Amino acid sequence: MSPITERFLTLADVEEQIAKFEGKYGVSTIEFLKNPALRAEMYDDEIFQWESYEAHREELARLDEELRGKYLHRVRPQIDQSLQPIQNNNLALAA
């Protein structure tokens, strides 16, 4: 038995693995999850892997949205100076 190794997968890695399963079986992940008859014809190990990759993708997407929301909440919008109305300097007119 080979030793267990720990791998940290990026979203691209996860999507690549999911695409391999979709290509192998010719169905989308949504169809795979909704169709128990399809899963009945697959090896349990492949079902587990595919479901795990999909869960991992969902978690990465959730974390991405959470991080993006926190970032956008903290960033102050910068106003483009060219879009602001020109203020009239009444002192120059009085002179």
PDB file of N, CA and C in Angstrom:
ATOM      1  N   MET A   1       0.847  -1.179   0.000  1.00  0.00           N
ATOM      2  CA  MET A   1       0.000   0.000   0.000  1.00  0.00           C
ATOM      3  C   MET A   1       0.890   1.239   0.000  1.00  0.00           C
ATOM      4  N   SER A   2       0.586   2.167  -0.862  1.00  0.00           N
ATOM      5  CA  SER A   2       1.398   3.382  -0.952  1.00  0.00           C
ATOM      6  C   SER A   2       1.023   4.356   0.169  1.00  0.00           C
ATOM      7  N   PRO A   3       1.959   5.199   0.564  1.00  0.00           N
ATOM      8  CA  PRO A   3       1.671   6.158   1.635  1.00  0.00           C
ATOM      9  C   PRO A   3       0.681   7.220   1.159  1.00  0.00           C
ATOM     10  N   ILE A   4      -0.067   7.748   2.090  1.00  0.00           N
ATOM     11  CA  ILE A   4      -1.035   8.798   1.786  1.00  0.00           C
ATOM     12  C   ILE A   4      -0.290  10.117   1.686  1.00  0.00           C
ATOM     13  N   THR A   5      -0.560  10.852   0.640  1.00  0.00           N
ATOM     14  CA  THR A   5       0.063  12.160   0.462  1.00  0.00           C
ATOM     15  C   THR A   5      -1.012  13.227   0.501  1.00  0.00           C
ATOM     16  N   GLU A   6      -0.619  14.388   0.961  1.00  0.00           N
ATOM     17  CA  GLU A   6      -1.537  15.511   1.041  1.00  0.00           C
ATOM     18  C   GLU A   6      -1.278  16.432  -0.137  1.00  0.00           C
ATOM     19  N   ARG A   7      -2.341  16.783  -0.850  1.00  0.00           N
ATOM     20  CA  ARG A   7      -2.237  17.687  -1.996  1.00  0.00           C
ATOM     21  C   ARG A   7      -3.167  18.868  -1.779  1.00  0.00           C
ATOM     22  N   PHE A   8      -2.690  20.041  -2.126  1.00  0.00           N
ATOM     23  CA  PHE A   8      -3.509  21.238  -2.069  1.00  0.00           C
ATOM     24  C   PHE A   8      -3.891  21.589  -3.498  1.00  0.00           C
ATOM     25  N   LEU A   9      -5.177  21.524  -3.778  1.00  0.00           N
ATOM     26  CA  LEU A   9      -5.666  21.719  -5.134  1.00  0.00           C
ATOM     27  C   LEU A   9      -6.182  23.133  -5.332  1.00  0.00           C
ATOM     28  N   THR A  10      -5.832  23.710  -6.457  1.00  0.00           N
ATOM     29  CA  THR A  10      -6.398  25.004  -6.837  1.00  0.00           C
ATOM     30  C   THR A  10      -7.734  24.754  -7.536  1.00  0.00           C
ATOM     31  N   LEU A  11      -8.459  25.816  -7.773  1.00  0.00           N
ATOM     32  CA  LEU A  11      -9.722  25.688  -8.497  1.00  0.00           C
ATOM     33  C   LEU A  11      -9.484  25.110  -9.885  1.00  0.00           C
ATOM     34  N   ALA A  12      -8.402  25.513 -10.534  1.00  0.00           N
ATOM     35  CA  ALA A  12      -8.082  24.983 -11.867  1.00  0.00           C
ATOM     36  C   ALA A  12      -7.813  23.482 -11.809  1.00  0.00           C
ATOM     37  N   ASP A  13      -7.104  23.022 -10.765  1.00  0.00           N
ATOM     38  CA  ASP A  13      -6.840  21.590 -10.595  1.00  0.00           C
ATOM     39  C   ASP A  13      -8.139  20.810 -10.431  1.00  0.00           C
ATOM     40  N   VAL A  14      -9.024  21.342  -9.608  1.00  0.00           N
ATOM     41  CA  VAL A  14     -10.300  20.670  -9.339  1.00  0.00           C
ATOM     42  C   VAL A  14     -11.142  20.612 -10.607  1.00  0.00           C
ATOM     43  N   GLU A  15     -11.213  21.710 -11.322  1.00  0.00           N
ATOM     44  CA  GLU A  15     -12.014  21.738 -12.553  1.00  0.00           C
ATOM     45  C   GLU A  15     -11.432  20.808 -13.613  1.00  0.00           C
ATOM     46  N   GLU A  16     -10.123  20.662 -13.628  1.00  0.00           N
ATOM     47  CA  GLU A  16      -9.486  19.733 -14.562  1.00  0.00           C
ATOM     48  C   GLU A  16      -9.887  18.287 -14.250  1.00  0.00           C
ATOM     49  N   GLN A  17      -9.892  17.936 -12.983  1.00  0.00           N
ATOM     50  CA  GLN A  17     -10.282  16.581 -12.588  1.00  0.00           C
ATOM     51  C   GLN A  17     -11.759  16.313 -12.899  1.00  0.00           C
ATOM     52  N   ILE A  18     -12.594  17.308 -12.644  1.00  0.00           N
ATOM     53  CA  ILE A  18     -14.019  17.165 -12.943  1.00  0.00           C
ATOM     54  C   ILE A  18     -14.218  17.000 -14.454  1.00  0.00           C
ATOM     55  N   ALA A  19     -13.488  17.771 -15.245  1.00  0.00           N
ATOM     56  CA  ALA A  19     -13.595  17.674 -16.702  1.00  0.00           C
ATOM     57  C   ALA A  19     -13.187  16.282 -17.192  1.00  0.00           C
ATOM     58  N   LYS A  20     -12.220  15.665 -16.539  1.00  0.00           N
ATOM     59  CA  LYS A  20     -11.817  14.304 -16.906  1.00  0.00           C
ATOM     60  C   LYS A  20     -12.963  13.319 -16.686  1.00  0.00           C
ATOM     61  N   PHE A  21     -13.647  13.439 -15.563  1.00  0.00           N
ATOM     62  CA  PHE A  21     -14.790  12.555 -15.306  1.00  0.00           C
ATOM     63  C   PHE A  21     -15.916  12.825 -16.303  1.00  0.00           C
ATOM     64  N   GLU A  22     -16.189  14.107 -16.558  1.00  0.00           N
ATOM     65  CA  GLU A  22     -17.256  14.444 -17.514  1.00  0.00           C
ATOM     66  C   GLU A  22     -16.927  13.901 -18.900  1.00  0.00           C
ATOM     67  N   GLY A  23     -15.670  13.978 -19.297  1.00  0.00           N
ATOM     68  CA  GLY A  23     -15.256  13.447 -20.593  1.00  0.00           C
ATOM     69  C   GLY A  23     -15.330  11.930 -20.642  1.00  0.00           C
ATOM     70  N   LYS A  24     -14.916  11.293 -19.566  1.00  0.00           N
ATOM     71  CA  LYS A  24     -14.906   9.828 -19.521  1.00  0.00           C
ATOM     72  C   LYS A  24     -16.317   9.256 -19.631  1.00  0.00           C
ATOM     73  N   TYR A  25     -17.259   9.880 -18.933  1.00  0.00           N
ATOM     74  CA  TYR A  25     -18.628   9.357 -18.914  1.00  0.00           C
ATOM     75  C   TYR A  25     -19.573  10.086 -19.862  1.00  0.00           C
ATOM     76  N   GLY A  26     -19.134  11.188 -20.439  1.00  0.00           N
ATOM     77  CA  GLY A  26     -19.946  11.906 -21.414  1.00  0.00           C
ATOM     78  C   GLY A  26     -21.171  12.579 -20.832  1.00  0.00           C
ATOM     79  N   VAL A  27     -21.103  12.952 -19.562  1.00  0.00           N
ATOM     80  CA  VAL A  27     -22.215  13.647 -18.914  1.00  0.00           C
ATOM     81  C   VAL A  27     -21.664  14.796 -18.078  1.00  0.00           C
ATOM     82  N   SER A  28     -22.528  15.761 -17.832  1.00  0.00           N
ATOM     83  CA  SER A  28     -22.130  16.879 -16.975  1.00  0.00           C
ATOM     84  C   SER A  28     -22.171  16.436 -15.513  1.00  0.00           C
ATOM     85  N   THR A  29     -21.550  17.220 -14.667  1.00  0.00           N
ATOM     86  CA  THR A  29     -21.561  16.924 -13.238  1.00  0.00           C
ATOM     87  C   THR A  29     -22.981  17.006 -12.688  1.00  0.00           C
ATOM     88  N   ILE A  30     -23.758  17.951 -13.181  1.00  0.00           N
ATOM     89  CA  ILE A  30     -25.151  18.078 -12.732  1.00  0.00           C
ATOM     90  C   ILE A  30     -25.917  16.793 -13.040  1.00  0.00           C
ATOM     91  N   GLU A  31     -25.757  16.285 -14.263  1.00  0.00           N
ATOM     92  CA  GLU A  31     -26.439  15.043 -14.642  1.00  0.00           C
ATOM     93  C   GLU A  31     -25.941  13.874 -13.791  1.00  0.00           C
ATOM     94  N   PHE A  32     -24.637  13.835 -13.530  1.00  0.00           N
ATOM     95  CA  PHE A  32     -24.063  12.796 -12.684  1.00  0.00           C
ATOM     96  C   PHE A  32     -24.701  12.813 -11.297  1.00  0.00           C
ATOM     97  N   LEU A  33     -24.861  13.995 -10.732  1.00  0.00           N
ATOM     98  CA  LEU A  33     -25.417  14.105  -9.384  1.00  0.00           C
ATOM     99  C   LEU A  33     -26.910  13.789  -9.338  1.00  0.00           C
ATOM    100  N   LYS A  34     -27.624  14.065 -10.432  1.00  0.00           N
ATOM    101  CA  LYS A  34     -29.079  13.861 -10.461  1.00  0.00           C
ATOM    102  C   LYS A  34     -29.492  12.460 -10.895  1.00  0.00           C
ATOM    103  N   ASN A  35     -28.589  11.693 -11.531  1.00  0.00           N
ATOM    104  CA  ASN A  35     -28.970  10.421 -12.137  1.00  0.00           C
ATOM    105  C   ASN A  35     -28.398   9.238 -11.356  1.00  0.00           C
ATOM    106  N   PRO A  36     -29.196   8.649 -10.452  1.00  0.00           N
ATOM    107  CA  PRO A  36     -28.697   7.511  -9.677  1.00  0.00           C
ATOM    108  C   PRO A  36     -28.404   6.278 -10.539  1.00  0.00           C
ATOM    109  N   ALA A  37     -29.103   6.140 -11.657  1.00  0.00           N
ATOM    110  CA  ALA A  37     -28.862   4.990 -12.536  1.00  0.00           C
ATOM    111  C   ALA A  37     -27.457   5.054 -13.127  1.00  0.00           C
ATOM    112  N   LEU A  38     -27.010   6.248 -13.445  1.00  0.00           N
ATOM    113  CA  LEU A  38     -25.659   6.417 -13.974  1.00  0.00           C
ATOM    114  C   LEU A  38     -24.619   6.041 -12.922  1.00  0.00           C
ATOM    115  N   ARG A  39     -24.842   6.499 -11.706  1.00  0.00           N
ATOM    116  CA  ARG A  39     -23.892   6.195 -10.630  1.00  0.00           C
ATOM    117  C   ARG A  39     -23.874   4.713 -10.291  1.00  0.00           C
ATOM    118  N   ALA A  40     -24.971   4.022 -10.521  1.00  0.00           N
ATOM    119  CA  ALA A  40     -25.037   2.586 -10.221  1.00  0.00           C
ATOM    120  C   ALA A  40     -24.100   1.780 -11.116  1.00  0.00           C
ATOM    121  N   GLU A  41     -23.763   2.329 -12.272  1.00  0.00           N
ATOM    122  CA  GLU A  41     -22.883   1.642 -13.215  1.00  0.00           C
ATOM    123  C   GLU A  41     -21.414   2.011 -13.029  1.00  0.00           C
ATOM    124  N   MET A  42     -21.115   2.879 -12.066  1.00  0.00           N
ATOM    125  CA  MET A  42     -19.748   3.348 -11.856  1.00  0.00           C
ATOM    126  C   MET A  42     -19.126   2.665 -10.645  1.00  0.00           C
ATOM    127  N   TYR A  43     -17.799   2.702 -10.593  1.00  0.00           N
ATOM    128  CA  TYR A  43     -17.083   2.210  -9.419  1.00  0.00           C
ATOM    129  C   TYR A  43     -17.292   3.184  -8.258  1.00  0.00           C
ATOM    130  N   ASP A  44     -17.424   2.624  -7.061  1.00  0.00           N
ATOM    131  CA  ASP A  44     -17.636   3.458  -5.881  1.00  0.00           C
ATOM    132  C   ASP A  44     -16.517   4.470  -5.686  1.00  0.00           C
ATOM    133  N   ASP A  45     -15.292   4.067  -5.975  1.00  0.00           N
ATOM    134  CA  ASP A  45     -14.151   4.967  -5.811  1.00  0.00           C
ATOM    135  C   ASP A  45     -14.269   6.177  -6.735  1.00  0.00           C
ATOM    136  N   GLU A  46     -14.717   5.968  -7.961  1.00  0.00           N
ATOM    137  CA  GLU A  46     -14.873   7.087  -8.897  1.00  0.00           C
ATOM    138  C   GLU A  46     -16.036   7.995  -8.485  1.00  0.00           C
ATOM    139  N   ILE A  47     -17.097   7.405  -7.986  1.00  0.00           N
ATOM    140  CA  ILE A  47     -18.225   8.210  -7.493  1.00  0.00           C
ATOM    141  C   ILE A  47     -17.745   9.106  -6.362  1.00  0.00           C
ATOM    142  N   PHE A  48     -17.016   8.511  -5.420  1.00  0.00           N
ATOM    143  CA  PHE A  48     -16.501   9.271  -4.282  1.00  0.00           C
ATOM    144  C   PHE A  48     -15.590  10.404  -4.743  1.00  0.00           C
ATOM    145  N   GLN A  49     -14.685  10.114  -5.678  1.00  0.00           N
ATOM    146  CA  GLN A  49     -13.761  11.140  -6.164  1.00  0.00           C
ATOM    147  C   GLN A  49     -14.508  12.278  -6.854  1.00  0.00           C
ATOM    148  N   TRP A  50     -15.430  11.921  -7.734  1.00  0.00           N
ATOM    149  CA  TRP A  50     -16.163  12.952  -8.484  1.00  0.00           C
ATOM    150  C   TRP A  50     -16.962  13.838  -7.525  1.00  0.00           C
ATOM    151  N   GLU A  51     -17.670  13.209  -6.590  1.00  0.00           N
ATOM    152  CA  GLU A  51     -18.446  13.982  -5.620  1.00  0.00           C
ATOM    153  C   GLU A  51     -17.528  14.849  -4.753  1.00  0.00           C
ATOM    154  N   SER A  52     -16.362  14.322  -4.407  1.00  0.00           N
ATOM    155  CA  SER A  52     -15.404  15.081  -3.595  1.00  0.00           C
ATOM    156  C   SER A  52     -14.875  16.289  -4.351  1.00  0.00           C
ATOM    157  N   TYR A  53     -14.538  16.097  -5.619  1.00  0.00           N
ATOM    158  CA  TYR A  53     -14.064  17.225  -6.421  1.00  0.00           C
ATOM    159  C   TYR A  53     -15.151  18.287  -6.554  1.00  0.00           C
ATOM    160  N   GLU A  54     -16.379  17.867  -6.743  1.00  0.00           N
ATOM    161  CA  GLU A  54     -17.478  18.834  -6.871  1.00  0.00           C
ATOM    162  C   GLU A  54     -17.679  19.589  -5.559  1.00  0.00           C
ATOM    163  N   ALA A  55     -17.635  18.896  -4.442  1.00  0.00           N
ATOM    164  CA  ALA A  55     -17.765  19.556  -3.136  1.00  0.00           C
ATOM    165  C   ALA A  55     -16.610  20.524  -2.908  1.00  0.00           C
ATOM    166  N   HIS A  56     -15.417  20.122  -3.327  1.00  0.00           N
ATOM    167  CA  HIS A  56     -14.240  20.984  -3.189  1.00  0.00           C
ATOM    168  C   HIS A  56     -14.400  22.238  -4.046  1.00  0.00           C
ATOM    169  N   ARG A  57     -14.923  22.068  -5.268  1.00  0.00           N
ATOM    170  CA  ARG A  57     -15.143  23.220  -6.151  1.00  0.00           C
ATOM    171  C   ARG A  57     -16.157  24.184  -5.536  1.00  0.00           C
ATOM    172  N   GLU A  58     -17.219  23.658  -4.972  1.00  0.00           N
ATOM    173  CA  GLU A  58     -18.227  24.514  -4.349  1.00  0.00           C
ATOM    174  C   GLU A  58     -17.650  25.275  -3.162  1.00  0.00           C
ATOM    175  N   GLU A  59     -16.825  24.603  -2.364  1.00  0.00           N
ATOM    176  CA  GLU A  59     -16.220  25.260  -1.206  1.00  0.00           C
ATOM    177  C   GLU A  59     -15.233  26.339  -1.640  1.00  0.00           C
ATOM    178  N   LEU A  60     -14.435  26.068  -2.668  1.00  0.00           N
ATOM    179  CA  LEU A  60     -13.513  27.088  -3.171  1.00  0.00           C
ATOM    180  C   LEU A  60     -14.275  28.295  -3.715  1.00  0.00           C
ATOM    181  N   ALA A  61     -15.377  28.058  -4.390  1.00  0.00           N
ATOM    182  CA  ALA A  61     -16.191  29.161  -4.918  1.00  0.00           C
ATOM    183  C   ALA A  61     -16.799  29.971  -3.768  1.00  0.00           C
ATOM    184  N   ARG A  62     -17.251  29.287  -2.717  1.00  0.00           N
ATOM    185  CA  ARG A  62     -17.819  29.978  -1.562  1.00  0.00           C
ATOM    186  C   ARG A  62     -16.760  30.837  -0.876  1.00  0.00           C
ATOM    187  N   LEU A  63     -15.577  30.278  -0.686  1.00  0.00           N
ATOM    188  CA  LEU A  63     -14.495  31.036  -0.059  1.00  0.00           C
ATOM    189  C   LEU A  63     -14.072  32.226  -0.912  1.00  0.00           C
ATOM    190  N   ASP A  64     -14.083  32.048  -2.232  1.00  0.00           N
ATOM    191  CA  ASP A  64     -13.746  33.135  -3.142  1.00  0.00           C
ATOM    192  C   ASP A  64     -14.744  34.281  -3.010  1.00  0.00           C
ATOM    193  N   GLU A  65     -16.018  33.952  -2.963  1.00  0.00           N
ATOM    194  CA  GLU A  65     -17.055  34.977  -2.811  1.00  0.00           C
ATOM    195  C   GLU A  65     -16.936  35.680  -1.467  1.00  0.00           C
ATOM    196  N   GLU A  66     -16.663  34.918  -0.425  1.00  0.00           N
ATOM    197  CA  GLU A  66     -16.510  35.498   0.914  1.00  0.00           C
ATOM    198  C   GLU A  66     -15.321  36.460   0.943  1.00  0.00           C
ATOM    199  N   LEU A  67     -14.198  36.044   0.406  1.00  0.00           N
ATOM    200  CA  LEU A  67     -13.011  36.887   0.374  1.00  0.00           C
ATOM    201  C   LEU A  67     -13.238  38.134  -0.467  1.00  0.00           C
ATOM    202  N   ARG A  68     -13.858  37.968  -1.630  1.00  0.00           N
ATOM    203  CA  ARG A  68     -14.147  39.104  -2.500  1.00  0.00           C
ATOM    204  C   ARG A  68     -15.066  40.103  -1.794  1.00  0.00           C
ATOM    205  N   GLY A  69     -16.076  39.590  -1.101  1.00  0.00           N
ATOM    206  CA  GLY A  69     -16.996  40.469  -0.377  1.00  0.00           C
ATOM    207  C   GLY A  69     -16.295  41.260   0.721  1.00  0.00           C
ATOM    208  N   LYS A  70     -15.412  40.591   1.469  1.00  0.00           N
ATOM    209  CA  LYS A  70     -14.663  41.279   2.526  1.00  0.00           C
ATOM    210  C   LYS A  70     -13.746  42.344   1.922  1.00  0.00           C
ATOM    211  N   TYR A  71     -13.099  41.999   0.820  1.00  0.00           N
ATOM    212  CA  TYR A  71     -12.198  42.955   0.168  1.00  0.00           C
ATOM    213  C   TYR A  71     -12.978  44.181  -0.317  1.00  0.00           C
ATOM    214  N   LEU A  72     -14.072  43.951  -1.015  1.00  0.00           N
ATOM    215  CA  LEU A  72     -14.840  45.070  -1.555  1.00  0.00           C
ATOM    216  C   LEU A  72     -15.453  45.920  -0.451  1.00  0.00           C
ATOM    217  N   HIS A  73     -15.748  45.314   0.683  1.00  0.00           N
ATOM    218  CA  HIS A  73     -16.309  46.056   1.812  1.00  0.00           C
ATOM    219  C   HIS A  73     -15.266  47.014   2.404  1.00  0.00           C
ATOM    220  N   ARG A  74     -14.002  46.632   2.345  1.00  0.00           N
ATOM    221  CA  ARG A  74     -12.935  47.435   2.944  1.00  0.00           C
ATOM    222  C   ARG A  74     -12.343  48.475   1.995  1.00  0.00           C
ATOM    223  N   VAL A  75     -12.504  48.280   0.716  1.00  0.00           N
ATOM    224  CA  VAL A  75     -11.913  49.197  -0.256  1.00  0.00           C
ATOM    225  C   VAL A  75     -12.824  50.403  -0.423  1.00  0.00           C
ATOM    226  N   ARG A  76     -12.239  51.568  -0.322  1.00  0.00           N
ATOM    227  CA  ARG A  76     -13.015  52.783  -0.550  1.00  0.00           C
ATOM    228  C   ARG A  76     -13.049  53.066  -2.051  1.00  0.00           C
ATOM    229  N   PRO A  77     -14.198  53.395  -2.559  1.00  0.00           N
ATOM    230  CA  PRO A  77     -14.244  53.703  -3.995  1.00  0.00           C
ATOM    231  C   PRO A  77     -13.466  54.979  -4.286  1.00  0.00           C
ATOM    232  N   GLN A  78     -12.670  54.932  -5.326  1.00  0.00           N
ATOM    233  CA  GLN A  78     -11.926  56.116  -5.739  1.00  0.00           C
ATOM    234  C   GLN A  78     -12.736  56.840  -6.800  1.00  0.00           C
ATOM    235  N   ILE A  79     -12.915  58.103  -6.584  1.00  0.00           N
ATOM    236  CA  ILE A  79     -13.719  58.906  -7.503  1.00  0.00           C
ATOM    237  C   ILE A  79     -12.798  59.497  -8.564  1.00  0.00           C
ATOM    238  N   ASP A  80     -13.175  59.296  -9.790  1.00  0.00           N
ATOM    239  CA  ASP A  80     -12.408  59.848 -10.907  1.00  0.00           C
ATOM    240  C   ASP A  80     -12.613  61.365 -10.911  1.00  0.00           C
ATOM    241  N   GLN A  81     -11.512  62.115 -10.753  1.00  0.00           N
ATOM    242  CA  GLN A  81     -11.590  63.574 -10.674  1.00  0.00           C
ATOM    243  C   GLN A  81     -12.179  64.195 -11.946  1.00  0.00           C
ATOM    244  N   SER A  82     -11.993  63.558 -13.076  1.00  0.00           N
ATOM    245  CA  SER A  82     -12.507  64.118 -14.326  1.00  0.00           C
ATOM    246  C   SER A  82     -14.028  64.025 -14.412  1.00  0.00           C
ATOM    247  N   LEU A  83     -14.623  63.196 -13.579  1.00  0.00           N
ATOM    248  CA  LEU A  83     -16.072  63.040 -13.620  1.00  0.00           C
ATOM    249  C   LEU A  83     -16.786  63.982 -12.655  1.00  0.00           C
ATOM    250  N   GLN A  84     -16.046  64.615 -11.743  1.00  0.00           N
ATOM    251  CA  GLN A  84     -16.672  65.520 -10.787  1.00  0.00           C
ATOM    252  C   GLN A  84     -16.961  66.863 -11.451  1.00  0.00           C
ATOM    253  N   PRO A  85     -18.068  67.487 -11.068  1.00  0.00           N
ATOM    254  CA  PRO A  85     -18.382  68.794 -11.654  1.00  0.00           C
ATOM    255  C   PRO A  85     -17.326  69.831 -11.253  1.00  0.00           C
ATOM    256  N   ILE A  86     -17.055  70.746 -12.133  1.00  0.00           N
ATOM    257  CA  ILE A  86     -16.080  71.810 -11.870  1.00  0.00           C
ATOM    258  C   ILE A  86     -16.730  72.816 -10.938  1.00  0.00           C
ATOM    259  N   GLN A  87     -16.038  73.087  -9.835  1.00  0.00           N
ATOM    260  CA  GLN A  87     -16.570  74.041  -8.869  1.00  0.00           C
ATOM    261  C   GLN A  87     -16.192  75.464  -9.293  1.00  0.00           C
ATOM    262  N   ASN A  88     -17.156  76.339  -9.212  1.00  0.00           N
ATOM    263  CA  ASN A  88     -16.944  77.734  -9.584  1.00  0.00           C
ATOM    264  C   ASN A  88     -16.310  78.459  -8.403  1.00  0.00           C
ATOM    265  N   ASN A  89     -15.200  79.110  -8.641  1.00  0.00           N
ATOM    266  CA  ASN A  89     -14.536  79.847  -7.599  1.00  0.00           C
ATOM    267  C   ASN A  89     -15.061  81.278  -7.610  1.00  0.00           C
ATOM    268  N   ASN A  90     -15.990  81.584  -6.713  1.00  0.00           N
ATOM    269  CA  ASN A  90     -16.607  82.903  -6.656  1.00  0.00           C
ATOM    270  C   ASN A  90     -15.623  83.998  -6.268  1.00  0.00           C
ATOM    271  N   LEU A  91     -14.539  83.647  -5.554  1.00  0.00           N
ATOM    272  CA  LEU A  91     -13.569  84.650  -5.171  1.00  0.00           C
ATOM    273  C   LEU A  91     -12.861  85.224  -6.402  1.00  0.00           C
ATOM    274  N   ALA A  92     -12.581  84.393  -7.372  1.00  0.00           N
ATOM    275  CA  ALA A  92     -11.919  84.869  -8.588  1.00  0.00           C
ATOM    276  C   ALA A  92     -12.844  85.797  -9.361  1.00  0.00           C
ATOM    277  N   LEU A  93     -14.130  85.556  -9.334  1.00  0.00           N
ATOM    278  CA  LEU A  93     -15.081  86.398 -10.037  1.00  0.00           C
ATOM    279  C   LEU A  93     -15.234  87.754  -9.366  1.00  0.00           C
ATOM    280  N   ALA A  94     -15.109  87.785  -8.045  1.00  0.00           N
ATOM    281  CA  ALA A  94     -15.279  89.025  -7.298  1.00  0.00           C
ATOM    282  C   ALA A  94     -14.099  89.977  -7.518  1.00  0.00           C
ATOM    283  N   ALA A  95     -12.959  89.464  -7.861  1.00  0.00           N
ATOM    284  CA  ALA A  95     -11.771  90.313  -8.019  1.00  0.00           C
ATOM    285  C   ALA A  95     -11.878  91.023  -9.299  1.00  0.00           C
TER     286      ALA A  95
END
